[in-house]
N, C-alpha and C. Protein backbone atom coordinates (compact mmCIF):
# COMPACT_ATOMS: atom_id res chain seq x y z
N MET A 1 0.74 -1.13 -0.07
CA MET A 1 0.03 0.07 0.07
C MET A 1 0.85 1.25 0.06
N LYS A 2 0.56 2.17 -0.91
CA LYS A 2 1.38 3.38 -1.13
C LYS A 2 0.75 4.41 -0.03
N THR A 3 1.89 5.11 0.53
CA THR A 3 1.45 6.38 1.41
C THR A 3 1.59 7.50 0.56
N ILE A 4 0.54 8.22 0.54
CA ILE A 4 0.35 9.60 -0.06
C ILE A 4 0.51 10.79 0.85
N SER A 5 1.51 11.62 0.60
CA SER A 5 1.55 12.77 1.44
C SER A 5 0.82 14.08 0.75
N ILE A 6 -0.14 14.44 1.64
CA ILE A 6 -0.89 15.63 1.19
C ILE A 6 -0.65 16.84 2.02
N ILE A 7 -0.39 17.94 1.36
CA ILE A 7 -0.14 19.08 2.08
C ILE A 7 -1.53 19.83 2.19
N PRO A 8 -2.05 20.10 3.44
CA PRO A 8 -3.44 20.58 3.62
C PRO A 8 -3.48 22.04 3.16
N PHE A 9 -2.47 22.78 3.08
CA PHE A 9 -2.58 24.10 2.63
C PHE A 9 -1.33 24.50 1.96
N ILE A 10 -1.39 25.76 1.13
CA ILE A 10 -0.12 26.32 0.51
C ILE A 10 0.02 27.74 1.08
N ILE A 11 1.08 28.04 1.46
CA ILE A 11 1.47 29.29 2.02
C ILE A 11 2.21 30.12 0.94
N SER A 12 1.46 31.31 0.53
CA SER A 12 2.02 32.21 -0.35
C SER A 12 1.81 33.60 -0.11
N ALA A 13 2.68 34.46 -0.33
CA ALA A 13 2.44 35.82 -0.08
C ALA A 13 1.97 36.48 -1.31
N PRO A 14 1.17 37.62 -1.23
CA PRO A 14 0.65 38.33 -2.45
C PRO A 14 1.82 38.85 -3.11
N VAL A 15 1.80 38.79 -4.37
CA VAL A 15 2.89 39.33 -5.33
C VAL A 15 2.67 40.82 -5.46
N LYS A 16 3.66 41.55 -5.31
CA LYS A 16 3.65 42.85 -5.19
C LYS A 16 3.69 43.50 -6.85
N VAL A 17 2.77 44.24 -7.11
CA VAL A 17 2.59 44.73 -8.54
C VAL A 17 3.58 45.77 -8.77
N LYS A 18 4.51 45.54 -9.73
CA LYS A 18 5.44 46.53 -10.22
C LYS A 18 4.64 47.69 -10.93
N ASN A 19 5.08 48.88 -10.37
CA ASN A 19 4.49 50.12 -11.04
C ASN A 19 5.51 50.64 -11.96
N THR A 20 5.51 50.42 -13.23
CA THR A 20 6.38 51.00 -14.12
C THR A 20 5.93 51.79 -15.20
N SER A 21 4.88 52.46 -14.96
CA SER A 21 4.35 53.42 -15.83
C SER A 21 5.27 54.53 -16.09
N GLU A 22 5.08 55.19 -17.19
CA GLU A 22 6.03 56.27 -17.54
C GLU A 22 5.86 57.44 -16.69
N ARG A 23 4.58 57.77 -16.14
CA ARG A 23 4.25 58.89 -15.23
C ARG A 23 4.86 58.64 -13.93
N ASP A 24 4.93 57.25 -13.44
CA ASP A 24 5.68 57.18 -12.16
C ASP A 24 7.09 57.22 -12.30
N LYS A 25 7.67 56.94 -13.30
CA LYS A 25 9.06 56.82 -13.63
C LYS A 25 9.41 58.45 -13.52
N LEU A 26 8.69 59.28 -14.32
CA LEU A 26 8.94 60.70 -14.34
C LEU A 26 8.95 61.33 -12.92
N THR A 27 7.78 61.02 -12.12
CA THR A 27 7.65 61.48 -10.92
C THR A 27 8.84 61.17 -10.00
N ALA A 28 9.37 60.01 -9.93
CA ALA A 28 10.34 59.43 -9.12
C ALA A 28 11.64 60.29 -9.68
N PHE A 29 11.96 60.54 -10.87
CA PHE A 29 12.85 61.26 -11.40
C PHE A 29 12.96 62.77 -10.84
N ALA A 30 11.88 63.18 -10.97
CA ALA A 30 11.59 64.50 -10.51
C ALA A 30 11.90 64.77 -9.02
N ARG A 31 11.47 63.75 -8.16
CA ARG A 31 11.99 63.85 -6.65
C ARG A 31 13.44 63.53 -6.57
N LEU A 32 13.90 62.67 -7.41
CA LEU A 32 15.43 62.59 -7.32
C LEU A 32 16.16 63.85 -7.60
N GLU A 33 15.84 64.61 -8.65
CA GLU A 33 16.43 65.65 -9.18
C GLU A 33 16.14 66.90 -7.95
N ALA A 34 15.05 67.01 -7.43
CA ALA A 34 14.89 67.83 -6.25
C ALA A 34 15.86 67.65 -5.10
N SER A 35 16.02 66.32 -4.69
CA SER A 35 16.78 66.12 -3.69
C SER A 35 18.30 66.29 -3.99
N ARG A 36 18.60 66.04 -5.27
CA ARG A 36 19.92 66.27 -5.69
C ARG A 36 20.30 67.75 -5.68
N LYS A 37 19.54 68.61 -6.17
CA LYS A 37 19.58 70.03 -6.19
C LYS A 37 19.82 70.63 -4.78
N LEU A 38 19.02 69.98 -3.87
CA LEU A 38 19.02 70.45 -2.50
C LEU A 38 20.31 70.23 -1.91
N PHE A 39 21.05 69.05 -2.07
CA PHE A 39 22.25 68.96 -1.58
C PHE A 39 23.55 69.11 -2.35
N SER A 40 23.43 69.89 -3.45
CA SER A 40 24.44 70.09 -4.59
C SER A 40 25.27 71.34 -4.21
N GLU A 41 25.13 71.76 -2.92
CA GLU A 41 26.00 72.93 -2.62
C GLU A 41 27.38 72.66 -2.69
N SER A 42 28.35 73.59 -2.84
CA SER A 42 29.76 73.16 -3.21
C SER A 42 30.19 72.98 -1.68
N ILE A 43 31.41 72.14 -1.68
CA ILE A 43 31.82 71.82 -0.10
C ILE A 43 33.29 72.23 -0.37
N GLU A 44 33.90 72.97 0.42
CA GLU A 44 35.35 73.25 0.53
C GLU A 44 35.82 72.22 1.47
N TYR A 45 36.46 71.04 0.91
CA TYR A 45 37.02 69.99 1.65
C TYR A 45 38.03 70.30 2.57
N ASP A 46 38.96 71.30 2.32
CA ASP A 46 40.00 71.51 3.22
C ASP A 46 39.42 72.23 4.58
N VAL A 47 38.54 73.13 4.38
CA VAL A 47 37.77 73.89 5.43
C VAL A 47 37.17 72.64 6.26
N GLU A 48 36.31 71.87 5.76
CA GLU A 48 35.64 70.95 6.35
C GLU A 48 36.50 69.96 7.20
N ARG A 49 37.60 69.53 6.38
CA ARG A 49 38.48 68.62 7.11
C ARG A 49 39.12 69.07 8.39
N GLU A 50 39.57 70.41 8.12
CA GLU A 50 40.28 71.14 9.29
C GLU A 50 39.22 71.34 10.44
N GLU A 51 38.04 71.63 10.31
CA GLU A 51 36.93 71.63 11.21
C GLU A 51 36.79 70.45 12.00
N ALA A 52 36.60 69.24 11.18
CA ALA A 52 36.44 67.99 11.78
C ALA A 52 37.66 67.51 12.59
N MET A 53 38.91 67.83 12.02
CA MET A 53 40.00 67.43 12.84
C MET A 53 40.22 68.25 14.28
N ASN A 54 39.77 69.53 14.06
CA ASN A 54 39.73 70.35 15.24
C ASN A 54 38.92 69.80 16.24
N GLU A 55 37.74 69.33 15.77
CA GLU A 55 36.61 68.87 16.66
C GLU A 55 37.00 67.50 17.28
N LYS A 56 37.55 66.64 16.44
CA LYS A 56 38.11 65.40 17.02
C LYS A 56 39.29 65.36 17.90
N TYR A 57 40.37 66.13 17.49
CA TYR A 57 41.60 66.19 18.10
C TYR A 57 41.76 67.53 19.01
N GLY A 58 41.19 68.50 18.72
CA GLY A 58 41.46 69.86 19.28
C GLY A 58 42.32 70.54 18.40
N SER A 59 42.34 71.84 18.56
CA SER A 59 43.18 72.75 17.79
C SER A 59 44.69 72.46 18.14
N VAL A 60 45.48 72.27 17.15
CA VAL A 60 47.02 72.08 17.37
C VAL A 60 47.79 73.40 17.05
N ASP A 61 47.14 74.49 16.77
CA ASP A 61 47.80 75.70 16.63
C ASP A 61 48.28 76.37 17.82
């Protein structure tokens, strides 16, 4: 006599629908550009480094 294994239920998660419409892509790009422009100020690396070193180790002058 054969033994048959039966799974009483199947567990599955709902499949997330990918939203790839052109309008959604353009909206996402607009948000990206807005955040990029917000953080695009020029940074003076030498001044920033000196301030960080002074904060961490104290002024050596």
